[in-house]
N, C-alpha and C. Protein backbone atom coordinates (compact mmCIF):
# COMPACT_ATOMS: atom_id res chain seq x y z
N UNK A 1 0.88 -1.22 -0.01
CA UNK A 1 0.01 -0.01 -0.02
C UNK A 1 0.90 1.26 0.05
N UNK A 2 0.60 2.09 -0.85
CA UNK A 2 1.44 3.30 -1.07
C UNK A 2 1.02 4.30 -0.07
N UNK A 3 2.08 4.70 0.71
CA UNK A 3 1.73 5.76 1.71
C UNK A 3 1.66 7.03 1.04
N UNK A 4 0.68 7.71 1.51
CA UNK A 4 0.60 9.14 1.01
C UNK A 4 1.68 9.98 1.62
N UNK A 5 2.32 10.75 0.79
CA UNK A 5 3.35 11.63 1.27
C UNK A 5 2.72 12.80 1.98
N UNK A 6 3.19 12.89 3.24
CA UNK A 6 2.56 13.92 4.07
C UNK A 6 3.51 15.18 3.92
N UNK A 7 2.95 16.22 3.42
CA UNK A 7 3.77 17.37 3.22
C UNK A 7 3.58 18.23 4.47
N UNK A 8 4.74 18.54 5.08
CA UNK A 8 4.65 19.47 6.22
C UNK A 8 4.72 20.92 5.75
N UNK A 9 3.73 21.50 6.27
CA UNK A 9 3.63 22.97 5.90
C UNK A 9 4.47 23.75 6.83
N UNK A 10 5.58 24.25 6.32
CA UNK A 10 6.51 25.05 7.16
C UNK A 10 6.00 26.42 7.25
N UNK A 11 5.63 26.81 8.47
CA UNK A 11 5.12 28.17 8.59
C UNK A 11 6.27 29.03 9.19
N UNK A 12 6.61 29.93 8.35
CA UNK A 12 7.68 30.86 8.76
C UNK A 12 7.26 31.73 9.87
N UNK A 13 8.06 31.76 10.96
CA UNK A 13 7.71 32.53 12.12
C UNK A 13 7.93 34.04 11.77
N UNK A 14 6.82 34.72 11.94
CA UNK A 14 6.89 36.10 11.49
C UNK A 14 7.59 36.88 12.64
N UNK A 15 8.72 37.39 12.19
CA UNK A 15 9.45 38.20 13.26
C UNK A 15 9.12 39.66 13.01
N UNK A 16 8.55 40.17 14.08
CA UNK A 16 8.18 41.58 14.04
C UNK A 16 9.31 42.36 14.57
N UNK A 17 9.87 43.16 13.69
CA UNK A 17 11.04 43.95 14.15
C UNK A 17 10.60 44.88 15.31
N UNK A 18 11.53 44.86 16.34
CA UNK A 18 11.19 45.72 17.46
C UNK A 18 11.35 47.14 17.12
N UNK A 19 10.36 47.85 17.51
CA UNK A 19 10.39 49.29 17.23
C UNK A 19 11.51 49.96 18.12
N UNK A 20 12.29 50.66 17.38
CA UNK A 20 13.32 51.37 18.07
C UNK A 20 12.72 52.40 18.92
N UNK A 21 12.91 52.28 20.19
CA UNK A 21 12.37 53.30 21.14
C UNK A 21 13.43 54.42 21.40
N UNK A 22 12.99 55.54 20.92
CA UNK A 22 13.83 56.66 21.04
C UNK A 22 13.86 57.14 22.50
N UNK A 23 15.00 57.18 23.08
CA UNK A 23 15.08 57.64 24.47
C UNK A 23 14.95 59.17 24.49
N UNK A 24 13.98 59.65 25.19
CA UNK A 24 13.68 61.08 25.26
C UNK A 24 14.57 61.63 26.31
N UNK A 25 15.44 62.40 25.98
CA UNK A 25 16.33 63.08 26.95
C UNK A 25 15.74 64.40 27.28
N UNK A 26 15.32 64.52 28.47
CA UNK A 26 14.75 65.79 28.92
C UNK A 26 15.83 66.66 29.60
N UNK A 27 15.97 67.73 29.02
CA UNK A 27 17.00 68.59 29.66
C UNK A 27 16.52 68.97 31.04
N UNK A 28 17.51 68.97 31.95
CA UNK A 28 17.18 69.41 33.30
C UNK A 28 16.90 70.86 33.36
N UNK A 29 15.77 71.16 33.90
CA UNK A 29 15.46 72.63 34.04
C UNK A 29 16.30 73.18 35.11
N UNK A 30 16.97 74.30 34.76
CA UNK A 30 17.74 74.96 35.77
C UNK A 30 16.89 76.01 36.43
N UNK A 31 16.72 75.76 37.79
CA UNK A 31 15.87 76.64 38.44
C UNK A 31 16.55 78.05 38.57
N UNK A 32 15.68 79.01 38.35
CA UNK A 32 16.29 80.43 38.44
C UNK A 32 16.66 80.69 39.90
N UNK A 33 17.66 81.59 40.09
CA UNK A 33 18.07 81.88 41.42
C UNK A 33 16.93 82.58 42.14
N UNK A 34 16.55 81.95 43.23
CA UNK A 34 15.44 82.52 43.95
C UNK A 34 16.02 83.21 45.18
N UNK A 35 15.14 84.13 45.60
CA UNK A 35 15.56 84.79 46.88
C UNK A 35 15.38 83.79 48.01
N UNK A 36 16.26 83.87 49.02
CA UNK A 36 16.20 82.97 50.11
C UNK A 36 15.78 83.62 51.39
N UNK A 37 14.93 82.95 52.14
CA UNK A 37 14.47 83.52 53.36
C UNK A 37 15.48 83.68 54.37
N UNK A 38 15.48 84.69 55.24
CA UNK A 38 16.47 84.92 56.26
C UNK A 38 15.83 84.92 57.62
N UNK A 39 15.18 83.80 58.00
CA UNK A 39 14.57 83.63 59.35
C UNK A 39 13.37 84.63 59.38
N UNK A 40 13.37 85.33 60.43
CA UNK A 40 12.17 86.25 60.64
C UNK A 40 12.37 87.57 59.85
N UNK A 41 13.51 87.70 59.24
CA UNK A 41 13.67 88.86 58.46
C UNK A 41 13.15 88.81 57.05
N UNK A 42 13.52 89.84 56.20
CA UNK A 42 12.96 89.80 54.87
C UNK A 42 13.66 88.75 54.06
N UNK A 43 13.09 88.43 52.85
CA UNK A 43 13.70 87.51 51.89
C UNK A 43 14.79 88.30 51.14
N UNK A 44 15.95 87.58 50.91
CA UNK A 44 17.05 88.33 50.35
C UNK A 44 17.50 87.67 49.05
N UNK A 45 18.02 88.52 48.13
CA UNK A 45 18.63 88.03 46.87
C UNK A 45 19.95 88.70 46.61
N UNK A 46 20.97 87.89 46.37
CA UNK A 46 22.28 88.42 46.21
C UNK A 46 22.37 89.06 44.84
N UNK A 47 22.73 90.32 44.77
CA UNK A 47 22.97 91.03 43.44
C UNK A 47 24.40 91.23 43.08
N UNK A 48 25.30 90.83 43.95
CA UNK A 48 26.70 91.09 43.71
C UNK A 48 27.30 90.21 42.56
N UNK A 49 27.98 90.79 41.67
CA UNK A 49 28.53 90.15 40.53
C UNK A 49 29.96 89.71 40.65
N UNK A 50 30.51 89.98 41.84
CA UNK A 50 31.95 89.68 42.04
C UNK A 50 32.21 88.60 43.14
N UNK A 51 31.11 87.92 43.49
CA UNK A 51 31.29 86.81 44.39
C UNK A 51 31.16 87.02 45.81
N UNK A 52 30.87 88.27 46.20
CA UNK A 52 30.61 88.60 47.61
C UNK A 52 29.34 87.86 48.12
N UNK A 53 29.30 87.64 49.48
CA UNK A 53 28.16 87.01 50.02
C UNK A 53 27.07 87.98 50.20
N UNK A 54 25.80 87.52 50.25
CA UNK A 54 24.70 88.50 50.48
C UNK A 54 24.84 89.33 51.70
N UNK A 55 24.40 90.58 51.74
CA UNK A 55 24.49 91.42 52.92
C UNK A 55 23.32 91.05 53.81
N UNK A 56 23.58 90.80 55.06
CA UNK A 56 22.38 90.58 55.96
C UNK A 56 21.64 91.85 56.29
N UNK A 57 20.30 91.73 56.34
CA UNK A 57 19.50 92.88 56.56
C UNK A 57 19.80 93.49 58.03
N UNK A 58 20.40 92.60 58.93
CA UNK A 58 20.70 93.11 60.17
C UNK A 58 21.79 94.15 60.18
N UNK A 59 22.59 94.17 59.10
CA UNK A 59 23.68 95.18 58.97
C UNK A 59 22.98 96.58 58.75
N UNK A 60 22.01 96.62 57.80
CA UNK A 60 21.28 97.82 57.54
C UNK A 60 20.49 98.27 58.78
N UNK A 61 19.82 97.30 59.42
CA UNK A 61 18.99 97.61 60.46
C UNK A 61 19.75 98.17 61.67
N UNK A 62 20.85 97.67 61.93
CA UNK A 62 21.69 98.16 63.05
C UNK A 62 22.11 99.60 62.78
N UNK A 63 22.41 99.98 61.54
CA UNK A 63 22.72 101.35 61.20
C UNK A 63 21.59 102.25 61.25
N UNK A 64 20.37 101.76 60.87
CA UNK A 64 19.15 102.60 60.88
C UNK A 64 18.76 102.83 62.29
N UNK A 65 18.89 101.81 63.15
CA UNK A 65 18.38 101.97 64.52
C UNK A 65 19.35 102.89 65.32
N UNK A 66 20.55 103.03 64.91
CA UNK A 66 21.58 103.83 65.53
C UNK A 66 21.18 105.35 65.47
N UNK A 67 20.36 105.64 64.44
CA UNK A 67 19.90 107.03 64.35
C UNK A 67 20.99 107.97 63.82
N UNK A 68 21.90 107.50 63.08
CA UNK A 68 23.05 108.35 62.66
C UNK A 68 23.07 108.47 61.10
N UNK A 69 21.89 108.14 60.50
CA UNK A 69 21.76 108.25 59.03
C UNK A 69 21.92 109.76 58.54
N UNK A 70 22.41 109.91 57.41
CA UNK A 70 22.50 111.23 56.77
C UNK A 70 21.12 111.65 56.30
N UNK A 71 21.13 112.53 55.31
CA UNK A 71 19.93 113.06 54.73
C UNK A 71 19.20 111.93 53.99
N UNK A 72 17.89 111.85 54.21
CA UNK A 72 17.06 110.97 53.41
C UNK A 72 16.53 111.72 52.14
N UNK A 73 16.60 111.06 51.02
CA UNK A 73 16.06 111.70 49.77
C UNK A 73 14.80 110.96 49.35
N UNK A 74 13.70 111.70 49.25
CA UNK A 74 12.41 111.19 48.87
C UNK A 74 12.12 111.36 47.42
N UNK A 75 11.81 110.27 46.70
CA UNK A 75 11.43 110.44 45.22
C UNK A 75 9.89 110.12 45.18
N UNK A 76 9.24 111.02 44.49
CA UNK A 76 7.81 110.90 44.21
C UNK A 76 7.57 111.12 42.72
N UNK A 77 6.34 111.00 42.35
CA UNK A 77 5.99 111.06 40.89
C UNK A 77 5.18 112.24 40.60
N UNK A 78 5.63 113.13 39.73
CA UNK A 78 4.86 114.34 39.30
C UNK A 78 3.66 113.91 38.48
N UNK A 79 2.64 114.76 38.27
CA UNK A 79 1.49 114.44 37.57
C UNK A 79 1.80 114.08 36.04
N UNK A 80 2.83 114.58 35.55
CA UNK A 80 3.22 114.25 34.14
C UNK A 80 4.15 112.96 34.03
N UNK A 81 4.34 112.28 35.22
CA UNK A 81 5.16 111.08 35.19
C UNK A 81 6.63 111.20 35.49
N UNK A 82 7.04 112.52 35.48
CA UNK A 82 8.41 112.73 35.80
C UNK A 82 8.78 112.54 37.31
N UNK A 83 9.94 112.11 37.63
CA UNK A 83 10.28 111.97 39.02
C UNK A 83 10.58 113.28 39.72
N UNK A 84 10.23 113.32 41.00
CA UNK A 84 10.61 114.54 41.78
C UNK A 84 11.42 114.03 43.01
N UNK A 85 12.50 114.60 43.27
CA UNK A 85 13.35 114.22 44.47
C UNK A 85 13.60 115.44 45.39
N UNK A 86 13.49 115.16 46.67
CA UNK A 86 13.72 116.23 47.63
C UNK A 86 14.22 115.61 48.90
N UNK A 87 15.06 116.32 49.61
CA UNK A 87 15.57 115.84 50.91
C UNK A 87 14.43 116.02 51.97
N UNK A 88 14.35 115.09 52.85
CA UNK A 88 13.34 115.19 53.97
C UNK A 88 14.03 114.87 55.26
N UNK A 89 13.44 115.38 56.33
CA UNK A 89 13.89 114.97 57.63
C UNK A 89 13.18 113.79 58.07
N UNK A 90 13.88 112.65 58.04
CA UNK A 90 13.20 111.42 58.32
C UNK A 90 13.71 110.69 59.58
N UNK A 91 12.91 109.76 60.04
CA UNK A 91 13.27 109.06 61.35
C UNK A 91 12.94 107.55 61.04
N UNK A 92 13.84 106.64 61.39
CA UNK A 92 13.57 105.18 61.39
C UNK A 92 13.09 104.81 62.82
N UNK A 93 11.83 104.40 62.81
CA UNK A 93 11.24 103.95 64.11
C UNK A 93 10.40 102.74 63.94
N UNK A 94 10.81 101.68 64.74
CA UNK A 94 10.05 100.43 64.73
C UNK A 94 9.91 99.82 63.31
N UNK A 95 10.96 99.84 62.54
CA UNK A 95 10.93 99.19 61.27
C UNK A 95 10.22 99.97 60.18
N UNK A 96 10.02 101.25 60.38
CA UNK A 96 9.31 102.11 59.39
C UNK A 96 10.07 103.44 59.33
N UNK A 97 9.87 104.12 58.21
CA UNK A 97 10.44 105.43 58.00
C UNK A 97 9.31 106.52 58.17
N UNK A 98 9.53 107.52 58.97
CA UNK A 98 8.58 108.56 59.17
C UNK A 98 9.27 109.89 58.54
N UNK A 99 8.42 110.74 57.94
CA UNK A 99 8.96 112.05 57.44
C UNK A 99 7.82 112.98 57.38
N UNK A 100 8.13 114.28 57.21
CA UNK A 100 7.13 115.30 57.08
C UNK A 100 7.18 115.98 55.79
N UNK A 101 6.02 116.58 55.43
CA UNK A 101 5.91 117.43 54.27
C UNK A 101 4.67 118.34 54.38
N UNK A 102 4.79 119.54 53.89
CA UNK A 102 3.69 120.36 53.81
C UNK A 102 2.66 119.86 52.75
N UNK A 103 1.36 119.95 52.94
CA UNK A 103 0.46 119.47 51.98
C UNK A 103 0.53 120.26 50.68
N UNK A 104 1.07 121.47 50.74
CA UNK A 104 1.12 122.32 49.57
C UNK A 104 2.44 122.18 48.82
N UNK A 105 3.42 121.48 49.35
CA UNK A 105 4.74 121.29 48.75
C UNK A 105 4.53 120.24 47.60
N UNK A 106 5.42 120.30 46.67
CA UNK A 106 5.33 119.38 45.53
C UNK A 106 5.24 117.97 45.91
N UNK A 107 6.14 117.56 46.80
CA UNK A 107 6.18 116.15 47.21
C UNK A 107 4.87 115.83 47.98
N UNK A 108 4.26 116.74 48.72
CA UNK A 108 2.99 116.50 49.43
C UNK A 108 1.88 116.33 48.47
N UNK A 109 1.81 117.11 47.42
CA UNK A 109 0.81 116.98 46.41
C UNK A 109 1.05 115.76 45.54
N UNK A 110 2.26 115.38 45.35
CA UNK A 110 2.49 114.13 44.61
C UNK A 110 1.95 112.92 45.38
N UNK A 111 2.26 112.89 46.63
CA UNK A 111 1.85 111.78 47.53
C UNK A 111 0.36 111.65 47.63
N UNK A 112 -0.34 112.81 47.67
CA UNK A 112 -1.77 112.76 47.69
C UNK A 112 -2.41 112.12 46.47
N UNK A 113 -1.69 112.19 45.28
CA UNK A 113 -2.18 111.59 44.05
C UNK A 113 -1.65 110.24 43.89
N UNK A 114 -0.37 109.98 44.32
CA UNK A 114 0.25 108.70 44.13
C UNK A 114 1.18 108.40 45.29
N UNK A 115 0.74 107.53 46.27
CA UNK A 115 1.51 107.36 47.48
C UNK A 115 2.77 106.45 47.32
N UNK A 116 2.99 105.93 46.15
CA UNK A 116 4.23 105.14 45.96
C UNK A 116 5.34 106.09 45.93
N UNK A 117 6.44 105.67 46.58
CA UNK A 117 7.63 106.45 46.75
C UNK A 117 8.86 105.65 46.99
N UNK A 118 10.05 106.34 46.91
CA UNK A 118 11.29 105.66 47.22
C UNK A 118 12.11 106.62 48.08
N UNK A 119 12.78 106.03 49.19
CA UNK A 119 13.62 106.84 50.01
C UNK A 119 14.99 106.26 49.89
N UNK A 120 15.96 107.20 49.81
CA UNK A 120 17.33 106.81 49.71
C UNK A 120 18.17 107.45 50.81
N UNK A 121 19.14 106.73 51.32
CA UNK A 121 19.92 107.34 52.46
C UNK A 121 21.38 106.65 52.43
N UNK A 122 22.34 107.37 52.80
CA UNK A 122 23.64 106.89 52.90
C UNK A 122 23.94 106.55 54.42
N UNK A 123 24.21 105.33 54.66
CA UNK A 123 24.53 104.89 55.98
C UNK A 123 26.11 104.68 56.10
N UNK A 124 26.66 104.47 57.25
CA UNK A 124 28.05 104.23 57.37
C UNK A 124 28.38 102.88 56.69
N UNK A 125 29.08 102.95 55.58
CA UNK A 125 29.49 101.81 54.80
C UNK A 125 28.40 101.13 53.99
N UNK A 126 27.23 101.78 53.83
CA UNK A 126 26.20 101.22 53.12
C UNK A 126 25.26 102.23 52.53
N UNK A 127 24.99 102.09 51.28
CA UNK A 127 23.94 102.94 50.50
C UNK A 127 22.65 102.17 50.48
N UNK A 128 21.67 102.80 50.95
CA UNK A 128 20.33 102.05 51.05
C UNK A 128 19.22 102.75 50.33
N UNK A 129 18.45 101.95 49.57
CA UNK A 129 17.27 102.48 48.92
C UNK A 129 16.09 101.70 49.34
N UNK A 130 15.05 102.41 49.76
CA UNK A 130 13.83 101.70 50.32
C UNK A 130 12.59 102.13 49.49
N UNK A 131 11.88 101.10 48.99
CA UNK A 131 10.66 101.33 48.19
C UNK A 131 9.47 101.02 49.12
N UNK A 132 8.37 101.88 48.92
CA UNK A 132 7.15 101.58 49.71
C UNK A 132 6.09 102.53 49.36
N UNK A 133 5.08 102.59 50.23
CA UNK A 133 3.96 103.47 49.90
C UNK A 133 3.78 104.38 51.22
N UNK A 134 3.67 105.68 50.98
CA UNK A 134 3.52 106.62 52.09
C UNK A 134 2.08 106.71 52.49
N UNK A 135 1.93 106.67 53.86
CA UNK A 135 0.58 106.84 54.47
C UNK A 135 0.62 107.98 55.38
N UNK A 136 -0.38 108.92 55.33
CA UNK A 136 -0.39 110.04 56.23
C UNK A 136 -0.87 109.55 57.59
N UNK A 137 -0.17 110.03 58.60
CA UNK A 137 -0.54 109.73 60.05
C UNK A 137 -1.39 110.82 60.64
N UNK A 138 -2.52 110.58 61.20
CA UNK A 138 -3.31 111.57 61.78
C UNK A 138 -3.75 111.22 63.19
N UNK A 139 -3.47 110.02 63.72
CA UNK A 139 -3.87 109.76 65.07
C UNK A 139 -2.89 110.43 66.06
N UNK A 140 -3.48 110.99 67.16
CA UNK A 140 -2.76 111.84 68.04
C UNK A 140 -1.61 111.09 68.79
N UNK A 141 -1.81 109.86 69.26
CA UNK A 141 -0.76 109.15 70.01
C UNK A 141 0.48 109.02 69.11
N UNK A 142 0.38 108.69 67.95
CA UNK A 142 1.50 108.48 66.93
C UNK A 142 2.18 109.89 66.71
N UNK A 143 1.37 110.87 66.50
CA UNK A 143 1.88 112.20 66.29
C UNK A 143 2.70 112.73 67.46
N UNK A 144 2.14 112.48 68.67
CA UNK A 144 2.88 112.86 69.92
C UNK A 144 4.23 112.15 70.03
N UNK A 145 4.12 110.83 69.85
CA UNK A 145 5.29 109.98 69.94
C UNK A 145 6.34 110.43 68.94
N UNK A 146 6.01 110.72 67.70
CA UNK A 146 7.01 111.14 66.69
C UNK A 146 7.48 112.54 66.95
N UNK A 147 6.65 113.41 67.51
CA UNK A 147 7.09 114.76 67.81
C UNK A 147 8.11 114.70 68.84
N UNK A 148 7.98 113.80 69.85
CA UNK A 148 9.05 113.66 70.88
C UNK A 148 10.38 113.12 70.26
N UNK A 149 10.19 112.26 69.29
CA UNK A 149 11.37 111.66 68.62
C UNK A 149 12.14 112.81 67.86
N UNK A 150 11.42 113.59 67.20
CA UNK A 150 12.04 114.70 66.45
C UNK A 150 12.70 115.64 67.37
N UNK A 151 11.95 115.95 68.53
CA UNK A 151 12.53 116.89 69.51
C UNK A 151 13.86 116.40 70.07
N UNK A 152 13.89 115.06 70.26
CA UNK A 152 15.17 114.40 70.76
C UNK A 152 16.32 114.51 69.77
N UNK A 153 16.00 114.66 68.48
CA UNK A 153 16.92 114.78 67.41
C UNK A 153 17.39 116.27 67.15
N UNK A 154 16.62 117.15 67.85
CA UNK A 154 17.01 118.60 67.74
C UNK A 154 16.04 119.45 67.03
N UNK A 155 14.91 118.85 66.52
CA UNK A 155 13.91 119.71 65.84
C UNK A 155 12.70 119.81 66.83
N UNK A 156 12.43 120.91 67.41
CA UNK A 156 11.42 121.10 68.45
C UNK A 156 9.97 121.04 67.90
N UNK A 157 9.59 119.85 67.47
CA UNK A 157 8.25 119.70 66.89
C UNK A 157 7.19 119.51 67.97
N UNK A 158 6.02 119.90 67.71
CA UNK A 158 4.87 119.70 68.53
C UNK A 158 3.68 119.44 67.70
N UNK A 159 2.56 118.96 68.28
CA UNK A 159 1.41 118.56 67.53
C UNK A 159 0.43 119.68 67.47
N UNK A 160 -0.09 119.93 66.27
CA UNK A 160 -1.13 120.91 66.05
C UNK A 160 -2.17 120.28 65.20
N UNK A 161 -3.39 120.02 65.84
CA UNK A 161 -4.39 119.29 65.04
C UNK A 161 -4.04 117.90 64.64
N UNK A 162 -3.95 117.63 63.29
CA UNK A 162 -3.62 116.28 62.79
C UNK A 162 -2.22 116.40 62.09
N UNK A 163 -1.30 117.34 62.52
CA UNK A 163 -0.07 117.49 61.88
C UNK A 163 0.93 117.98 62.96
N UNK A 164 2.13 118.21 62.48
CA UNK A 164 3.20 118.76 63.33
C UNK A 164 3.51 120.18 63.01
N UNK A 165 4.00 120.92 64.00
CA UNK A 165 4.42 122.30 63.84
C UNK A 165 5.69 122.53 64.61
N UNK A 166 6.41 123.56 64.37
CA UNK A 166 7.55 123.96 65.11
C UNK A 166 7.90 125.41 64.74
N UNK A 167 8.82 125.97 65.59
CA UNK A 167 9.27 127.35 65.32
C UNK A 167 9.95 127.56 64.00
N UNK A 168 10.58 126.46 63.48
CA UNK A 168 11.35 126.52 62.21
C UNK A 168 11.41 125.11 61.60
N UNK A 169 11.63 125.11 60.34
CA UNK A 169 11.94 123.82 59.64
C UNK A 169 12.85 124.12 58.56
N UNK A 170 12.95 123.21 57.55
CA UNK A 170 13.91 123.43 56.42
C UNK A 170 13.44 124.67 55.55
N UNK A 171 14.34 125.32 54.95
CA UNK A 171 13.97 126.55 54.22
C UNK A 171 12.92 126.33 53.14
N UNK A 172 12.96 125.15 52.58
CA UNK A 172 11.99 124.83 51.49
C UNK A 172 10.76 124.17 51.98
N UNK A 173 10.59 124.00 53.31
CA UNK A 173 9.46 123.24 53.85
C UNK A 173 8.15 123.89 53.70
N UNK A 174 8.16 125.22 53.59
CA UNK A 174 6.90 125.91 53.51
C UNK A 174 6.35 126.14 54.89
N UNK A 175 5.25 126.93 55.05
CA UNK A 175 4.78 127.25 56.32
C UNK A 175 4.12 126.04 57.10
N UNK A 176 4.09 126.04 58.47
CA UNK A 176 3.45 124.96 59.18
C UNK A 176 1.99 125.03 59.05
N UNK A 177 1.20 123.96 59.32
CA UNK A 177 1.75 122.73 59.92
C UNK A 177 2.24 121.77 58.80
N UNK A 178 3.00 120.72 59.27
CA UNK A 178 3.55 119.82 58.34
C UNK A 178 2.93 118.44 58.64
N UNK A 179 2.43 117.75 57.53
CA UNK A 179 1.83 116.42 57.69
C UNK A 179 2.94 115.41 57.95
N UNK A 180 2.55 114.44 58.74
CA UNK A 180 3.46 113.25 59.12
C UNK A 180 3.09 112.07 58.23
N UNK A 181 4.09 111.44 57.57
CA UNK A 181 3.88 110.31 56.77
C UNK A 181 4.67 109.11 57.27
N UNK A 182 4.29 107.89 57.01
CA UNK A 182 5.03 106.69 57.38
C UNK A 182 5.17 105.81 56.11
N UNK A 183 6.32 105.17 55.98
CA UNK A 183 6.60 104.32 54.85
C UNK A 183 7.07 103.00 55.45
N UNK A 184 6.21 101.97 55.16
CA UNK A 184 6.72 100.63 55.62
C UNK A 184 7.46 100.01 54.34
N UNK A 185 8.72 99.58 54.53
CA UNK A 185 9.38 99.04 53.34
C UNK A 185 8.74 97.82 52.69
N UNK A 186 8.66 97.79 51.42
CA UNK A 186 8.28 96.60 50.68
C UNK A 186 9.47 95.91 50.01
N UNK A 187 10.31 96.82 49.51
CA UNK A 187 11.65 96.31 48.95
C UNK A 187 12.69 97.23 49.29
N UNK A 188 13.87 96.71 49.55
CA UNK A 188 15.05 97.55 49.79
C UNK A 188 16.25 97.07 49.07
N UNK A 189 17.18 97.94 48.72
CA UNK A 189 18.34 97.58 47.99
C UNK A 189 19.55 98.14 48.79
N UNK A 190 20.60 97.35 49.06
CA UNK A 190 21.77 97.78 49.75
C UNK A 190 23.05 97.46 49.02
N UNK A 191 23.87 98.51 48.91
CA UNK A 191 25.21 98.33 48.26
C UNK A 191 26.23 98.80 49.27
N UNK A 192 27.18 97.92 49.60
CA UNK A 192 28.18 98.14 50.56
C UNK A 192 29.19 99.18 50.00
N UNK A 193 29.60 100.15 50.77
CA UNK A 193 30.65 101.11 50.35
C UNK A 193 31.95 100.91 51.28
N UNK A 194 31.83 99.83 52.02
CA UNK A 194 33.00 99.48 52.89
C UNK A 194 32.94 97.90 53.13
N UNK A 195 34.02 97.35 53.52
CA UNK A 195 34.08 95.89 53.77
C UNK A 195 33.17 95.53 54.94
N UNK A 196 32.55 94.31 54.86
CA UNK A 196 32.52 93.41 53.78
C UNK A 196 31.61 93.88 52.62
N UNK A 197 32.15 93.73 51.39
CA UNK A 197 31.46 94.24 50.27
C UNK A 197 30.28 93.40 49.89
N UNK A 198 29.43 93.94 48.97
CA UNK A 198 28.30 93.20 48.54
C UNK A 198 27.10 94.07 48.05
N UNK A 199 26.15 93.46 47.43
CA UNK A 199 24.94 94.20 46.96
C UNK A 199 23.79 93.18 47.13
N UNK A 200 22.79 93.57 47.77
CA UNK A 200 21.65 92.69 48.10
C UNK A 200 20.27 93.34 47.96
N UNK A 201 19.24 92.58 47.56
CA UNK A 201 17.88 93.09 47.47
C UNK A 201 17.18 92.36 48.62
N UNK A 202 16.35 93.10 49.39
CA UNK A 202 15.59 92.47 50.42
C UNK A 202 14.12 92.69 50.09
N UNK A 203 13.33 91.68 50.15
CA UNK A 203 11.87 91.79 49.91
C UNK A 203 11.08 91.46 51.22
N UNK A 204 10.24 92.43 51.61
CA UNK A 204 9.57 92.35 52.89
C UNK A 204 8.17 91.76 52.64
N UNK A 205 7.72 90.87 53.53
CA UNK A 205 6.40 90.35 53.45
C UNK A 205 5.34 91.40 53.75
N UNK A 206 4.28 91.44 52.96
CA UNK A 206 3.25 92.47 53.29
C UNK A 206 2.56 92.11 54.64
N UNK A 207 2.33 93.21 55.34
CA UNK A 207 1.65 93.00 56.65
C UNK A 207 0.38 93.75 56.70
N UNK A 208 -0.65 93.18 57.26
CA UNK A 208 -1.90 93.82 57.32
C UNK A 208 -1.95 94.66 58.63
N UNK A 209 -3.11 95.30 58.73
CA UNK A 209 -3.24 96.14 60.01
C UNK A 209 -2.84 97.58 59.90
N UNK A 210 -2.76 98.13 61.04
CA UNK A 210 -2.45 99.59 61.07
C UNK A 210 -0.96 99.77 60.72
N UNK A 211 -0.63 100.71 59.86
CA UNK A 211 0.70 100.96 59.42
C UNK A 211 1.42 101.96 60.39
N UNK A 212 0.83 102.31 61.51
CA UNK A 212 1.51 103.26 62.36
C UNK A 212 2.31 102.44 63.41
């Protein structure tokens, strides 16, 4: 008996080529230099381009609290947008800058329209610029307290109504009374003019409540 030839069907194994998986290389994002917190103080950012360490706010604070600052220069904005700068008799008290101005003076009129301002002062070994918003002080306890501070500095100020008065003031101050303003710093810039060198920006946290 003749055997039937059995034909084996050879099935070729289908080889599916592996898809080449492209490795996606994600470039590491370099985080921008962020300001670093300084404990209970303001946030600081080092601006020095020569490798000096950030200046601590405590350095500026010590000089401000010593009461030996030179003239403060107040920058306000004129109605046409141009800057206006004038020297003011200012005091640093409890973390704020107080100064006076006649309501009729250019700086007083500017502040009534736009309270944003900048104060600059030269301290021992440090130039300081403080940005903030000026608020007029009218409560009697604060006026009395600041009048006493001014008197201790040599300007015999006293309270009249909701402002300060004295026998004399700066030649360009105009007639009394003079309004009292306070500026709580929002941003400050310090550049050292003596060792240790450096340049730093300090950012202050906004605080609610009474600004006096």
